[in-house]
């Protein structure tokens, strides 16, 4: 939705079909913004990696526009509770499955918010979310 990728069409179709605004939390927004800036940094060091700064700034601008228009609603979270849930997930699953910190934080945030659905194209996040009883879309 914010830059052309393999799954962009599927994500855009899902987003368009939503009956209400998509609810997102600060961990997701932070990881997206940070990874977008990181990709531009990588591209600046090696043009064969990442993507250029204009693309990055365009993606960040589209994200901000969606927040400003209400297409994305930023929901508040209780960071200590999210961290506690993420710690439980880490202790339970990381030894065997090797989850990254942000995979745990995203699933923990969904659990904290009482979400029933979890959106991801990431296979590992999908397995973790499903193991915790979330219905995974996309």
N, C-alpha and C. Protein backbone atom coordinates (compact mmCIF):
# COMPACT_ATOMS: atom_id res chain seq x y z
N UNK A 1 0.81 -1.19 0.00
CA UNK A 1 0.00 0.00 0.00
C UNK A 1 0.86 1.26 0.00
N UNK A 2 2.03 1.16 0.59
CA UNK A 2 2.85 2.36 0.70
C UNK A 2 4.02 2.38 -0.27
N UNK A 3 4.34 1.20 -0.79
CA UNK A 3 5.33 1.09 -1.83
C UNK A 3 5.08 -0.24 -2.51
N UNK A 4 5.33 -0.31 -3.78
CA UNK A 4 5.00 -1.51 -4.56
C UNK A 4 5.84 -2.71 -4.11
N UNK A 5 5.14 -3.79 -3.72
CA UNK A 5 5.78 -5.03 -3.31
C UNK A 5 4.95 -6.20 -3.85
N UNK A 6 5.45 -7.40 -3.65
CA UNK A 6 4.77 -8.59 -4.14
C UNK A 6 3.32 -8.67 -3.65
N UNK A 7 3.08 -8.34 -2.39
CA UNK A 7 1.76 -8.49 -1.79
C UNK A 7 0.92 -7.22 -1.81
N UNK A 8 1.37 -6.18 -2.51
CA UNK A 8 0.68 -4.89 -2.48
C UNK A 8 -0.76 -4.96 -2.95
N UNK A 9 -1.02 -5.68 -4.02
CA UNK A 9 -2.38 -5.75 -4.55
C UNK A 9 -3.32 -6.41 -3.54
N UNK A 10 -2.88 -7.50 -2.93
CA UNK A 10 -3.70 -8.20 -1.94
C UNK A 10 -3.97 -7.28 -0.74
N UNK A 11 -2.94 -6.59 -0.27
CA UNK A 11 -3.10 -5.69 0.88
C UNK A 11 -4.06 -4.56 0.54
N UNK A 12 -3.92 -3.97 -0.64
CA UNK A 12 -4.79 -2.87 -1.05
C UNK A 12 -6.24 -3.33 -1.16
N UNK A 13 -6.46 -4.52 -1.73
CA UNK A 13 -7.82 -5.05 -1.84
C UNK A 13 -8.44 -5.29 -0.47
N UNK A 14 -7.66 -5.84 0.44
CA UNK A 14 -8.16 -6.08 1.79
C UNK A 14 -8.52 -4.76 2.46
N UNK A 15 -7.63 -3.79 2.36
CA UNK A 15 -7.82 -2.48 2.97
C UNK A 15 -9.08 -1.81 2.42
N UNK A 16 -9.28 -1.88 1.11
CA UNK A 16 -10.44 -1.26 0.47
C UNK A 16 -11.75 -1.90 0.92
N UNK A 17 -11.70 -3.21 1.21
CA UNK A 17 -12.92 -3.94 1.58
C UNK A 17 -13.27 -3.82 3.07
N UNK A 18 -12.41 -3.22 3.86
CA UNK A 18 -12.68 -3.11 5.30
C UNK A 18 -13.94 -2.29 5.54
N UNK A 19 -14.80 -2.75 6.45
CA UNK A 19 -16.03 -2.00 6.73
C UNK A 19 -15.79 -0.76 7.61
N UNK A 20 -14.61 -0.69 8.21
CA UNK A 20 -14.26 0.44 9.07
C UNK A 20 -12.77 0.72 8.93
N UNK A 21 -12.32 1.75 9.58
CA UNK A 21 -10.90 2.10 9.55
C UNK A 21 -10.06 0.97 10.14
N UNK A 22 -8.85 0.84 9.67
CA UNK A 22 -7.92 -0.16 10.20
C UNK A 22 -7.29 0.40 11.48
N UNK A 23 -7.36 -0.37 12.55
CA UNK A 23 -6.80 0.05 13.83
C UNK A 23 -5.36 -0.43 13.93
N UNK A 24 -4.45 0.49 14.26
CA UNK A 24 -3.03 0.17 14.40
C UNK A 24 -2.52 0.77 15.71
N UNK A 25 -1.41 0.22 16.18
CA UNK A 25 -0.83 0.70 17.44
C UNK A 25 0.60 1.18 17.19
N UNK A 26 1.13 1.88 18.16
CA UNK A 26 2.45 2.50 18.02
C UNK A 26 3.58 1.53 17.71
N UNK A 27 3.63 0.29 18.20
CA UNK A 27 4.74 -0.58 17.81
C UNK A 27 4.78 -0.83 16.30
N UNK A 28 3.62 -1.02 15.69
CA UNK A 28 3.57 -1.23 14.24
C UNK A 28 4.03 0.02 13.50
N UNK A 29 3.53 1.16 13.92
CA UNK A 29 3.91 2.41 13.25
C UNK A 29 5.41 2.67 13.39
N UNK A 30 5.94 2.44 14.59
CA UNK A 30 7.38 2.64 14.80
C UNK A 30 8.19 1.70 13.90
N UNK A 31 7.84 0.41 13.87
CA UNK A 31 8.63 -0.52 13.06
C UNK A 31 8.55 -0.16 11.58
N UNK A 32 7.38 0.22 11.10
CA UNK A 32 7.24 0.60 9.69
C UNK A 32 8.10 1.82 9.37
N UNK A 33 7.98 2.86 10.20
CA UNK A 33 8.75 4.08 9.94
C UNK A 33 10.26 3.81 10.02
N UNK A 34 10.68 3.07 11.04
CA UNK A 34 12.11 2.78 11.21
C UNK A 34 12.63 1.94 10.05
N UNK A 35 11.90 0.91 9.65
CA UNK A 35 12.38 0.05 8.57
C UNK A 35 12.42 0.80 7.24
N UNK A 36 11.49 1.73 7.04
CA UNK A 36 11.49 2.53 5.82
C UNK A 36 12.73 3.42 5.78
N UNK A 37 13.05 4.06 6.89
CA UNK A 37 14.26 4.90 6.95
C UNK A 37 15.52 4.04 6.79
N UNK A 38 15.51 2.84 7.38
CA UNK A 38 16.66 1.92 7.31
C UNK A 38 16.90 1.49 5.86
N UNK A 39 15.83 1.21 5.13
CA UNK A 39 15.97 0.80 3.73
C UNK A 39 16.58 1.93 2.89
N UNK A 40 16.17 3.16 3.17
CA UNK A 40 16.75 4.30 2.45
C UNK A 40 18.22 4.47 2.81
N UNK A 41 18.57 4.26 4.07
CA UNK A 41 19.97 4.31 4.49
C UNK A 41 20.78 3.25 3.75
N UNK A 42 20.28 2.02 3.72
CA UNK A 42 20.98 0.93 3.03
C UNK A 42 21.18 1.26 1.55
N UNK A 43 20.13 1.80 0.94
CA UNK A 43 20.21 2.15 -0.48
C UNK A 43 21.26 3.23 -0.73
N UNK A 44 21.36 4.18 0.19
CA UNK A 44 22.37 5.24 0.08
C UNK A 44 23.78 4.69 0.14
N UNK A 45 23.98 3.62 0.89
CA UNK A 45 25.31 2.99 0.99
C UNK A 45 25.59 2.03 -0.15
N UNK A 46 24.53 1.37 -0.65
CA UNK A 46 24.66 0.38 -1.72
C UNK A 46 23.36 0.41 -2.53
N UNK A 47 23.36 1.00 -3.72
CA UNK A 47 22.14 1.13 -4.52
C UNK A 47 21.47 -0.21 -4.88
N UNK A 48 22.14 -1.31 -4.66
CA UNK A 48 21.54 -2.62 -4.90
C UNK A 48 20.69 -3.10 -3.73
N UNK A 49 20.69 -2.34 -2.65
CA UNK A 49 19.93 -2.72 -1.46
C UNK A 49 18.85 -1.69 -1.17
N UNK A 50 17.82 -2.10 -0.46
CA UNK A 50 16.79 -1.18 0.00
C UNK A 50 16.10 -0.45 -1.12
N UNK A 51 15.70 0.78 -0.84
CA UNK A 51 15.07 1.64 -1.85
C UNK A 51 15.45 3.09 -1.55
N UNK A 52 15.28 3.94 -2.55
CA UNK A 52 15.78 5.32 -2.45
C UNK A 52 14.96 6.16 -1.47
N UNK A 53 15.55 7.28 -1.10
CA UNK A 53 14.95 8.16 -0.09
C UNK A 53 13.63 8.76 -0.56
N UNK A 54 13.50 9.05 -1.85
CA UNK A 54 12.25 9.60 -2.37
C UNK A 54 11.12 8.58 -2.17
N UNK A 55 11.40 7.32 -2.45
CA UNK A 55 10.41 6.25 -2.24
C UNK A 55 10.06 6.15 -0.76
N UNK A 56 11.07 6.21 0.09
CA UNK A 56 10.85 6.13 1.54
C UNK A 56 10.00 7.29 2.02
N UNK A 57 10.35 8.49 1.60
CA UNK A 57 9.58 9.66 2.03
C UNK A 57 8.15 9.61 1.51
N UNK A 58 7.97 9.09 0.30
CA UNK A 58 6.62 8.93 -0.25
C UNK A 58 5.79 7.95 0.58
N UNK A 59 6.42 6.84 0.98
CA UNK A 59 5.72 5.84 1.80
C UNK A 59 5.33 6.43 3.15
N UNK A 60 6.26 7.15 3.77
CA UNK A 60 5.97 7.77 5.07
C UNK A 60 4.87 8.82 4.95
N UNK A 61 4.88 9.56 3.85
CA UNK A 61 3.86 10.57 3.61
C UNK A 61 2.48 9.93 3.42
N UNK A 62 2.42 8.82 2.67
CA UNK A 62 1.15 8.11 2.48
C UNK A 62 0.62 7.58 3.81
N UNK A 63 1.52 7.05 4.62
CA UNK A 63 1.12 6.56 5.94
C UNK A 63 0.50 7.70 6.76
N UNK A 64 1.19 8.82 6.82
CA UNK A 64 0.70 9.96 7.60
C UNK A 64 -0.63 10.47 7.06
N UNK A 65 -0.78 10.45 5.75
CA UNK A 65 -2.03 10.88 5.13
C UNK A 65 -3.18 9.95 5.54
N UNK A 66 -2.92 8.65 5.58
CA UNK A 66 -3.95 7.70 6.00
C UNK A 66 -4.34 7.90 7.47
N UNK A 67 -3.37 8.25 8.30
CA UNK A 67 -3.67 8.53 9.70
C UNK A 67 -4.50 9.81 9.80
N UNK A 68 -4.07 10.85 9.09
CA UNK A 68 -4.77 12.14 9.14
C UNK A 68 -6.20 12.04 8.61
N UNK A 69 -6.42 11.21 7.60
CA UNK A 69 -7.75 11.09 7.01
C UNK A 69 -8.68 10.18 7.80
N UNK A 70 -8.11 9.43 8.76
CA UNK A 70 -8.92 8.51 9.54
C UNK A 70 -9.01 7.12 8.95
N UNK A 71 -8.33 6.86 7.83
CA UNK A 71 -8.31 5.52 7.24
C UNK A 71 -7.58 4.54 8.16
N UNK A 72 -6.61 5.07 8.90
CA UNK A 72 -5.93 4.32 9.95
C UNK A 72 -6.23 5.02 11.26
N UNK A 73 -6.61 4.24 12.26
CA UNK A 73 -6.87 4.80 13.59
C UNK A 73 -5.79 4.27 14.53
N UNK A 74 -5.08 5.18 15.16
CA UNK A 74 -4.03 4.81 16.10
C UNK A 74 -4.68 4.59 17.46
N UNK A 75 -4.54 3.36 17.96
CA UNK A 75 -5.13 3.02 19.25
C UNK A 75 -4.05 3.02 20.33
N UNK A 76 -4.43 3.46 21.50
CA UNK A 76 -3.50 3.52 22.63
C UNK A 76 -3.29 2.12 23.20
N UNK A 77 -2.09 1.89 23.67
CA UNK A 77 -1.79 0.63 24.34
C UNK A 77 -1.14 0.90 25.68
N UNK A 78 -1.22 -0.07 26.54
CA UNK A 78 -0.55 -0.02 27.83
C UNK A 78 0.77 -0.78 27.67
N UNK A 79 1.86 -0.01 27.47
CA UNK A 79 3.16 -0.62 27.17
C UNK A 79 3.59 -1.66 28.20
N UNK A 80 3.43 -1.44 29.49
CA UNK A 80 3.83 -2.48 30.45
C UNK A 80 3.08 -3.80 30.23
N UNK A 81 1.79 -3.71 29.90
CA UNK A 81 1.04 -4.93 29.65
C UNK A 81 1.51 -5.61 28.37
N UNK A 82 1.72 -4.84 27.30
CA UNK A 82 2.22 -5.41 26.04
C UNK A 82 3.57 -6.08 26.27
N UNK A 83 4.46 -5.41 27.01
CA UNK A 83 5.78 -6.00 27.29
C UNK A 83 5.65 -7.29 28.10
N UNK A 84 4.72 -7.32 29.03
CA UNK A 84 4.51 -8.52 29.84
C UNK A 84 4.01 -9.68 28.97
N UNK A 85 3.08 -9.39 28.08
CA UNK A 85 2.58 -10.43 27.17
C UNK A 85 3.69 -10.89 26.23
N UNK A 86 4.47 -9.95 25.71
CA UNK A 86 5.58 -10.30 24.82
C UNK A 86 6.60 -11.16 25.55
N UNK A 87 6.85 -10.87 26.79
CA UNK A 87 7.79 -11.68 27.58
C UNK A 87 7.26 -13.10 27.75
N UNK A 88 5.96 -13.23 28.00
CA UNK A 88 5.38 -14.56 28.10
C UNK A 88 5.51 -15.32 26.78
N UNK A 89 5.21 -14.64 25.67
CA UNK A 89 5.35 -15.27 24.36
C UNK A 89 6.79 -15.68 24.08
N UNK A 90 7.71 -14.82 24.44
CA UNK A 90 9.13 -15.12 24.24
C UNK A 90 9.54 -16.37 25.01
N UNK A 91 9.18 -16.40 26.29
CA UNK A 91 9.54 -17.55 27.13
C UNK A 91 8.90 -18.84 26.63
N UNK A 92 7.70 -18.71 26.10
CA UNK A 92 6.97 -19.90 25.65
C UNK A 92 7.41 -20.39 24.27
N UNK A 93 7.73 -19.48 23.35
CA UNK A 93 7.93 -19.88 21.96
C UNK A 93 9.33 -19.65 21.37
N UNK A 94 10.06 -18.67 21.86
CA UNK A 94 11.31 -18.31 21.18
C UNK A 94 12.37 -19.39 21.25
N UNK A 95 12.42 -20.14 22.35
CA UNK A 95 13.41 -21.21 22.45
C UNK A 95 13.32 -22.17 21.26
N UNK A 96 12.09 -22.50 20.88
CA UNK A 96 11.88 -23.47 19.80
C UNK A 96 11.76 -22.84 18.42
N UNK A 97 11.15 -21.65 18.36
CA UNK A 97 10.80 -21.07 17.07
C UNK A 97 11.67 -19.89 16.64
N UNK A 98 12.39 -19.29 17.57
CA UNK A 98 13.31 -18.20 17.22
C UNK A 98 12.64 -16.92 16.78
N UNK A 99 11.68 -16.43 17.53
CA UNK A 99 10.97 -15.21 17.13
C UNK A 99 11.79 -13.95 17.38
N UNK A 100 11.64 -12.99 16.45
CA UNK A 100 12.23 -11.66 16.61
C UNK A 100 11.40 -10.86 17.61
N UNK A 101 12.04 -9.87 18.20
CA UNK A 101 11.36 -9.06 19.21
C UNK A 101 10.09 -8.41 18.67
N UNK A 102 10.15 -7.85 17.47
CA UNK A 102 8.96 -7.18 16.96
C UNK A 102 7.86 -8.16 16.55
N UNK A 103 8.19 -9.39 16.16
CA UNK A 103 7.15 -10.39 15.94
C UNK A 103 6.36 -10.59 17.24
N UNK A 104 7.09 -10.71 18.33
CA UNK A 104 6.46 -10.90 19.64
C UNK A 104 5.64 -9.67 20.04
N UNK A 105 6.20 -8.48 19.83
CA UNK A 105 5.49 -7.25 20.20
C UNK A 105 4.20 -7.07 19.40
N UNK A 106 4.23 -7.39 18.11
CA UNK A 106 3.03 -7.23 17.30
C UNK A 106 1.92 -8.17 17.76
N UNK A 107 2.26 -9.43 18.00
CA UNK A 107 1.25 -10.38 18.47
C UNK A 107 0.80 -10.01 19.87
N UNK A 108 1.73 -9.61 20.73
CA UNK A 108 1.38 -9.20 22.09
C UNK A 108 0.44 -7.99 22.07
N UNK A 109 0.67 -7.06 21.17
CA UNK A 109 -0.20 -5.89 21.05
C UNK A 109 -1.61 -6.32 20.66
N UNK A 110 -1.71 -7.21 19.69
CA UNK A 110 -3.02 -7.69 19.27
C UNK A 110 -3.75 -8.38 20.43
N UNK A 111 -3.03 -9.20 21.17
CA UNK A 111 -3.63 -9.88 22.32
C UNK A 111 -4.06 -8.87 23.38
N UNK A 112 -3.21 -7.90 23.66
CA UNK A 112 -3.52 -6.86 24.63
C UNK A 112 -4.79 -6.10 24.25
N UNK A 113 -4.96 -5.84 22.97
CA UNK A 113 -6.11 -5.07 22.50
C UNK A 113 -7.37 -5.93 22.36
N UNK A 114 -7.22 -7.23 22.56
CA UNK A 114 -8.38 -8.11 22.41
C UNK A 114 -8.79 -8.33 20.98
N UNK A 115 -7.84 -8.19 20.06
CA UNK A 115 -8.13 -8.38 18.64
C UNK A 115 -8.50 -9.84 18.37
N UNK A 116 -9.34 -10.03 17.39
CA UNK A 116 -9.66 -11.40 16.97
C UNK A 116 -8.94 -11.74 15.67
N UNK A 117 -8.60 -10.71 14.89
CA UNK A 117 -7.89 -10.90 13.63
C UNK A 117 -6.51 -10.28 13.71
N UNK A 118 -5.59 -10.86 12.94
CA UNK A 118 -4.22 -10.37 12.88
C UNK A 118 -3.82 -10.35 11.41
N UNK A 119 -3.33 -9.22 10.94
CA UNK A 119 -2.95 -9.09 9.54
C UNK A 119 -1.44 -9.21 9.38
N UNK A 120 -1.00 -10.14 8.54
CA UNK A 120 0.43 -10.27 8.28
C UNK A 120 0.67 -11.10 7.03
N UNK A 121 1.77 -10.83 6.35
CA UNK A 121 2.25 -11.67 5.28
C UNK A 121 3.45 -12.49 5.76
N UNK A 122 3.88 -12.26 6.98
CA UNK A 122 5.05 -12.92 7.55
C UNK A 122 4.65 -14.29 8.11
N UNK A 123 5.28 -15.34 7.59
CA UNK A 123 4.94 -16.70 7.99
C UNK A 123 5.15 -16.98 9.47
N UNK A 124 6.23 -16.47 10.02
CA UNK A 124 6.51 -16.72 11.45
C UNK A 124 5.50 -15.98 12.33
N UNK A 125 5.22 -14.73 12.00
CA UNK A 125 4.20 -14.01 12.77
C UNK A 125 2.86 -14.73 12.68
N UNK A 126 2.55 -15.24 11.50
CA UNK A 126 1.29 -15.97 11.31
C UNK A 126 1.22 -17.17 12.24
N UNK A 127 2.29 -17.97 12.29
CA UNK A 127 2.29 -19.15 13.16
C UNK A 127 2.12 -18.77 14.63
N UNK A 128 2.81 -17.72 15.05
CA UNK A 128 2.70 -17.28 16.44
C UNK A 128 1.29 -16.78 16.75
N UNK A 129 0.75 -15.95 15.87
CA UNK A 129 -0.60 -15.42 16.09
C UNK A 129 -1.62 -16.55 16.14
N UNK A 130 -1.50 -17.50 15.25
CA UNK A 130 -2.43 -18.64 15.24
C UNK A 130 -2.28 -19.49 16.49
N UNK A 131 -1.03 -19.68 16.95
CA UNK A 131 -0.81 -20.45 18.17
C UNK A 131 -1.47 -19.78 19.37
N UNK A 132 -1.65 -18.46 19.30
CA UNK A 132 -2.29 -17.72 20.38
C UNK A 132 -3.79 -17.50 20.15
N UNK A 133 -4.34 -18.17 19.15
CA UNK A 133 -5.78 -18.14 18.93
C UNK A 133 -6.30 -17.01 18.05
N UNK A 134 -5.41 -16.27 17.43
CA UNK A 134 -5.85 -15.20 16.54
C UNK A 134 -6.14 -15.76 15.14
N UNK A 135 -7.12 -15.19 14.47
CA UNK A 135 -7.40 -15.54 13.08
C UNK A 135 -6.51 -14.65 12.22
N UNK A 136 -5.72 -15.26 11.36
CA UNK A 136 -4.78 -14.50 10.54
C UNK A 136 -5.37 -14.27 9.16
N UNK A 137 -5.34 -13.02 8.74
CA UNK A 137 -5.79 -12.62 7.41
C UNK A 137 -4.59 -12.24 6.57
N UNK A 138 -4.73 -12.40 5.29
CA UNK A 138 -3.76 -12.07 4.24
C UNK A 138 -2.79 -13.17 4.02
